Amino acid sequence: MRIHTVSPSDSFSDPGREYRASEPGVPLRCCLRKSLADEPVWLFRYSPSSGKGPYAEVGPVFTHVECPDTPSLDRLPVELLNSPRILRSYNAAGQIHDGEVVEPGSFDRAVEGLLNDPSIESLQVRSVSHGCFFFAITRS
């Protein structure tokens, strides 16, 4: 699998982005961990590339202003998967194929099962409570 993160530079496409000097505990989409106290972050609107046409969605995400970390792009980020998450699959046309709630400890198996289906092009990991996008997954 290959993990796709959100770059802090993506914030510049949103003129309404907000600078936060400290917003501890928010899930950062750049390095796939939670923010620490006194880490400056951007809050901005983001549209993941996997949904197309009527399936394209825009929602709020956080990134560092300048990300100090490089996440592993071939391993699921444990810190953001310690709660149930929505795993949404998309076909090559960018249409939703399916969605399911995945419990902690089941992500590897669920991702592998979905990526074994040749009609699935990509996956999105999202929040159960707010539906916010965390990161995308494709085949490596």
C-alpha atoms as a PDB file:
ATOM      1  CA  MET A   1       0.000   0.000   0.000  1.00  0.00           C
ATOM      2  CA  ARG A   2       0.966   3.622  -0.410  1.00  0.00           C
ATOM      3  CA  ILE A   3      -0.232   6.295   2.031  1.00  0.00           C
ATOM      4  CA  HIS A   4      -1.079   9.756   0.654  1.00  0.00           C
ATOM      5  CA  THR A   5      -0.823  12.691   3.052  1.00  0.00           C
ATOM      6  CA  VAL A   6      -1.802  16.353   2.771  1.00  0.00           C
ATOM      7  CA  SER A   7       1.003  18.860   2.344  1.00  0.00           C
ATOM      8  CA  PRO A   8       1.057  22.104   4.339  1.00  0.00           C
ATOM      9  CA  SER A   9       1.460  23.874   0.966  1.00  0.00           C
ATOM     10  CA  ASP A  10      -2.042  22.656   0.031  1.00  0.00           C
ATOM     11  CA  SER A  11      -3.319  25.244   2.511  1.00  0.00           C
ATOM     12  CA  PHE A  12      -2.353  28.061   0.126  1.00  0.00           C
ATOM     13  CA  SER A  13      -5.186  27.105  -2.244  1.00  0.00           C
ATOM     14  CA  ASP A  14      -7.681  28.116   0.472  1.00  0.00           C
ATOM     15  CA  PRO A  15      -7.789  31.900   0.963  1.00  0.00           C
ATOM     16  CA  GLY A  16      -9.904  31.286   4.081  1.00  0.00           C
ATOM     17  CA  ARG A  17      -7.245  29.165   5.815  1.00  0.00           C
ATOM     18  CA  GLU A  18      -6.713  29.891   9.483  1.00  0.00           C
ATOM     19  CA  TYR A  19      -3.401  30.039  11.324  1.00  0.00           C
ATOM     20  CA  ARG A  20      -3.412  28.546  14.808  1.00  0.00           C
ATOM     21  CA  ALA A  21      -0.317  29.173  16.956  1.00  0.00           C
ATOM     22  CA  SER A  22      -1.261  26.210  19.166  1.00  0.00           C
ATOM     23  CA  GLU A  23      -4.016  23.623  18.702  1.00  0.00           C
ATOM     24  CA  PRO A  24      -2.902  20.566  20.707  1.00  0.00           C
ATOM     25  CA  GLY A  25      -4.379  17.160  19.946  1.00  0.00           C
ATOM     26  CA  VAL A  26      -5.712  17.720  16.427  1.00  0.00           C
ATOM     27  CA  PRO A  27      -4.987  15.054  13.785  1.00  0.00           C
ATOM     28  CA  LEU A  28      -2.354  16.376  11.395  1.00  0.00           C
ATOM     29  CA  ARG A  29      -2.736  15.228   7.795  1.00  0.00           C
ATOM     30  CA  CYS A  30       0.888  16.017   6.873  1.00  0.00           C
ATOM     31  CA  CYS A  31       2.768  13.709   9.276  1.00  0.00           C
ATOM     32  CA  LEU A  32      -0.179  11.575  10.449  1.00  0.00           C
ATOM     33  CA  ARG A  33       0.067  12.199  14.158  1.00  0.00           C
ATOM     34  CA  LYS A  34      -1.676  14.443  16.662  1.00  0.00           C
ATOM     35  CA  SER A  35      -0.393  17.960  17.214  1.00  0.00           C
ATOM     36  CA  LEU A  36       1.552  18.974  20.298  1.00  0.00           C
ATOM     37  CA  ALA A  37       1.166  22.193  22.294  1.00  0.00           C
ATOM     38  CA  ASP A  38       2.805  25.235  20.683  1.00  0.00           C
ATOM     39  CA  GLU A  39       3.050  23.666  17.201  1.00  0.00           C
ATOM     40  CA  PRO A  40       1.709  26.171  14.657  1.00  0.00           C
ATOM     41  CA  VAL A  41      -0.889  24.631  12.351  1.00  0.00           C
ATOM     42  CA  TRP A  42      -3.096  25.550   9.420  1.00  0.00           C
ATOM     43  CA  LEU A  43      -6.826  24.770   9.413  1.00  0.00           C
ATOM     44  CA  PHE A  44      -8.137  24.820   5.842  1.00  0.00           C
ATOM     45  CA  ARG A  45     -10.596  23.353   3.342  1.00  0.00           C
ATOM     46  CA  TYR A  46      -9.304  20.342   1.431  1.00  0.00           C
ATOM     47  CA  SER A  47     -10.723  18.110  -1.289  1.00  0.00           C
ATOM     48  CA  PRO A  48      -9.188  14.613  -1.525  1.00  0.00           C
ATOM     49  CA  SER A  49      -8.339  13.623  -5.088  1.00  0.00           C
ATOM     50  CA  SER A  50     -10.099  10.240  -5.036  1.00  0.00           C
ATOM     51  CA  GLY A  51     -13.697  11.504  -5.184  1.00  0.00           C
ATOM     52  CA  LYS A  52     -14.738  12.958  -8.552  1.00  0.00           C
ATOM     53  CA  GLY A  53     -17.840  14.773  -9.837  1.00  0.00           C
ATOM     54  CA  PRO A  54     -20.689  14.514  -7.334  1.00  0.00           C
ATOM     55  CA  TYR A  55     -18.423  12.413  -5.080  1.00  0.00           C
ATOM     56  CA  ALA A  56     -15.867  15.221  -4.682  1.00  0.00           C
ATOM     57  CA  GLU A  57     -15.997  16.488  -1.114  1.00  0.00           C
ATOM     58  CA  VAL A  58     -14.447  19.419   0.680  1.00  0.00           C
ATOM     59  CA  GLY A  59     -13.828  19.439   4.399  1.00  0.00           C
ATOM     60  CA  PRO A  60     -11.626  20.910   7.109  1.00  0.00           C
ATOM     61  CA  VAL A  61      -8.140  19.512   7.760  1.00  0.00           C
ATOM     62  CA  PHE A  62      -5.160  20.465   9.903  1.00  0.00           C
ATOM     63  CA  THR A  63      -1.497  20.415   8.862  1.00  0.00           C
ATOM     64  CA  HIS A  64       1.617  21.874  10.409  1.00  0.00           C
ATOM     65  CA  VAL A  65       2.615  25.272   9.069  1.00  0.00           C
ATOM     66  CA  GLU A  66       6.017  23.680   8.444  1.00  0.00           C
ATOM     67  CA  CYS A  67       5.999  19.925   8.951  1.00  0.00           C
ATOM     68  CA  PRO A  68       9.042  18.678  10.917  1.00  0.00           C
ATOM     69  CA  ASP A  69       8.296  14.971  10.361  1.00  0.00           C
ATOM     70  CA  THR A  70       8.244  12.563   7.447  1.00  0.00           C
ATOM     71  CA  PRO A  71       5.615   9.859   7.878  1.00  0.00           C
ATOM     72  CA  SER A  72       6.052   6.309   6.659  1.00  0.00           C
ATOM     73  CA  LEU A  73       4.145   6.055   3.389  1.00  0.00           C
ATOM     74  CA  ASP A  74       3.955   2.252   3.386  1.00  0.00           C
ATOM     75  CA  ARG A  75       2.656   1.634   6.913  1.00  0.00           C
ATOM     76  CA  LEU A  76      -0.614   2.657   8.553  1.00  0.00           C
ATOM     77  CA  PRO A  77      -0.169   5.420  11.187  1.00  0.00           C
ATOM     78  CA  VAL A  78      -0.962   3.822  14.542  1.00  0.00           C
ATOM     79  CA  GLU A  79      -1.589   7.126  16.354  1.00  0.00           C
ATOM     80  CA  LEU A  80      -4.511   8.055  14.080  1.00  0.00           C
ATOM     81  CA  LEU A  81      -6.008   4.556  14.070  1.00  0.00           C
ATOM     82  CA  ASN A  82      -6.565   4.038  17.793  1.00  0.00           C
ATOM     83  CA  SER A  83     -10.305   4.755  17.392  1.00  0.00           C
ATOM     84  CA  PRO A  84     -12.865   3.402  14.933  1.00  0.00           C
ATOM     85  CA  ARG A  85     -12.588   5.028  11.503  1.00  0.00           C
ATOM     86  CA  ILE A  86     -14.539   5.005   8.271  1.00  0.00           C
ATOM     87  CA  LEU A  87     -12.773   3.296   5.397  1.00  0.00           C
ATOM     88  CA  ARG A  88     -14.314   4.462   2.117  1.00  0.00           C
ATOM     89  CA  SER A  89     -13.365   2.880  -1.222  1.00  0.00           C
ATOM     90  CA  TYR A  90     -13.474   4.503  -4.681  1.00  0.00           C
ATOM     91  CA  ASN A  91     -13.343   3.108  -8.207  1.00  0.00           C
ATOM     92  CA  ALA A  92     -11.194   4.506 -11.042  1.00  0.00           C
ATOM     93  CA  ALA A  93     -13.980   6.911 -12.063  1.00  0.00           C
ATOM     94  CA  GLY A  94     -13.883   8.476  -8.580  1.00  0.00           C
ATOM     95  CA  GLN A  95     -17.236   7.057  -7.491  1.00  0.00           C
ATOM     96  CA  ILE A  96     -17.791   5.592  -4.041  1.00  0.00           C
ATOM     97  CA  HIS A  97     -17.591   1.806  -4.225  1.00  0.00           C
ATOM     98  CA  ASP A  98     -18.285   1.013  -0.570  1.00  0.00           C
ATOM     99  CA  GLY A  99     -17.715   2.185   2.982  1.00  0.00           C
ATOM    100  CA  GLU A 100     -17.340   0.522   6.339  1.00  0.00           C
ATOM    101  CA  VAL A 101     -16.503   1.327   9.936  1.00  0.00           C
ATOM    102  CA  VAL A 102     -13.226  -0.331  10.915  1.00  0.00           C
ATOM    103  CA  GLU A 103     -12.267  -0.960  14.513  1.00  0.00           C
ATOM    104  CA  PRO A 104      -8.721  -0.543  15.889  1.00  0.00           C
ATOM    105  CA  GLY A 105      -6.638  -3.641  15.217  1.00  0.00           C
ATOM    106  CA  SER A 106      -8.551  -4.461  12.020  1.00  0.00           C
ATOM    107  CA  PHE A 107      -7.171  -1.833   9.633  1.00  0.00           C
ATOM    108  CA  ASP A 108      -4.437  -3.907   7.976  1.00  0.00           C
ATOM    109  CA  ARG A 109      -6.861  -6.734   7.224  1.00  0.00           C
ATOM    110  CA  ALA A 110      -9.614  -4.386   5.974  1.00  0.00           C
ATOM    111  CA  VAL A 111      -7.244  -2.412   3.734  1.00  0.00           C
ATOM    112  CA  GLU A 112      -5.717  -5.578   2.295  1.00  0.00           C
ATOM    113  CA  GLY A 113      -9.157  -7.037   1.590  1.00  0.00           C
ATOM    114  CA  LEU A 114     -10.365  -3.920  -0.198  1.00  0.00           C
ATOM    115  CA  LEU A 115      -7.189  -3.464  -2.242  1.00  0.00           C
ATOM    116  CA  ASN A 116      -7.486  -7.089  -3.397  1.00  0.00           C
ATOM    117  CA  ASP A 117     -10.642  -6.045  -5.280  1.00  0.00           C
ATOM    118  CA  PRO A 118      -9.463  -4.898  -8.758  1.00  0.00           C
ATOM    119  CA  SER A 119     -12.435  -2.517  -9.108  1.00  0.00           C
ATOM    120  CA  ILE A 120     -11.160  -0.417  -6.189  1.00  0.00           C
ATOM    121  CA  GLU A 121      -8.660   2.291  -7.102  1.00  0.00           C
ATOM    122  CA  SER A 122      -8.217   4.073  -3.763  1.00  0.00           C
ATOM    123  CA  LEU A 123      -9.326   4.260  -0.143  1.00  0.00           C
ATOM    124  CA  GLN A 124      -9.980   7.142   2.203  1.00  0.00           C
ATOM    125  CA  VAL A 125      -9.636   6.953   5.976  1.00  0.00           C
ATOM    126  CA  ARG A 126     -12.100   9.281   7.726  1.00  0.00           C
ATOM    127  CA  SER A 127     -13.364  10.239  11.158  1.00  0.00           C
ATOM    128  CA  VAL A 128     -16.457   8.390  12.394  1.00  0.00           C
ATOM    129  CA  SER A 129     -17.766  11.348  14.404  1.00  0.00           C
ATOM    130  CA  HIS A 130     -17.317  14.160  11.865  1.00  0.00           C
ATOM    131  CA  GLY A 131     -16.556  12.365   8.595  1.00  0.00           C
ATOM    132  CA  CYS A 132     -13.334  14.371   8.159  1.00  0.00           C
ATOM    133  CA  PHE A 133     -10.691  13.062   5.760  1.00  0.00           C
ATOM    134  CA  PHE A 134      -7.459  11.788   7.371  1.00  0.00           C
ATOM    135  CA  PHE A 135      -5.438  10.238   4.527  1.00  0.00           C
ATOM    136  CA  ALA A 136      -5.747   8.180   1.340  1.00  0.00           C
ATOM    137  CA  ILE A 137      -4.399   4.752   0.451  1.00  0.00           C
ATOM    138  CA  THR A 138      -3.604   3.268  -2.961  1.00  0.00           C
ATOM    139  CA  ARG A 139      -1.717   0.201  -4.128  1.00  0.00           C
ATOM    140  CA  SER A 140       2.055   0.654  -4.149  1.00  0.00           C
END
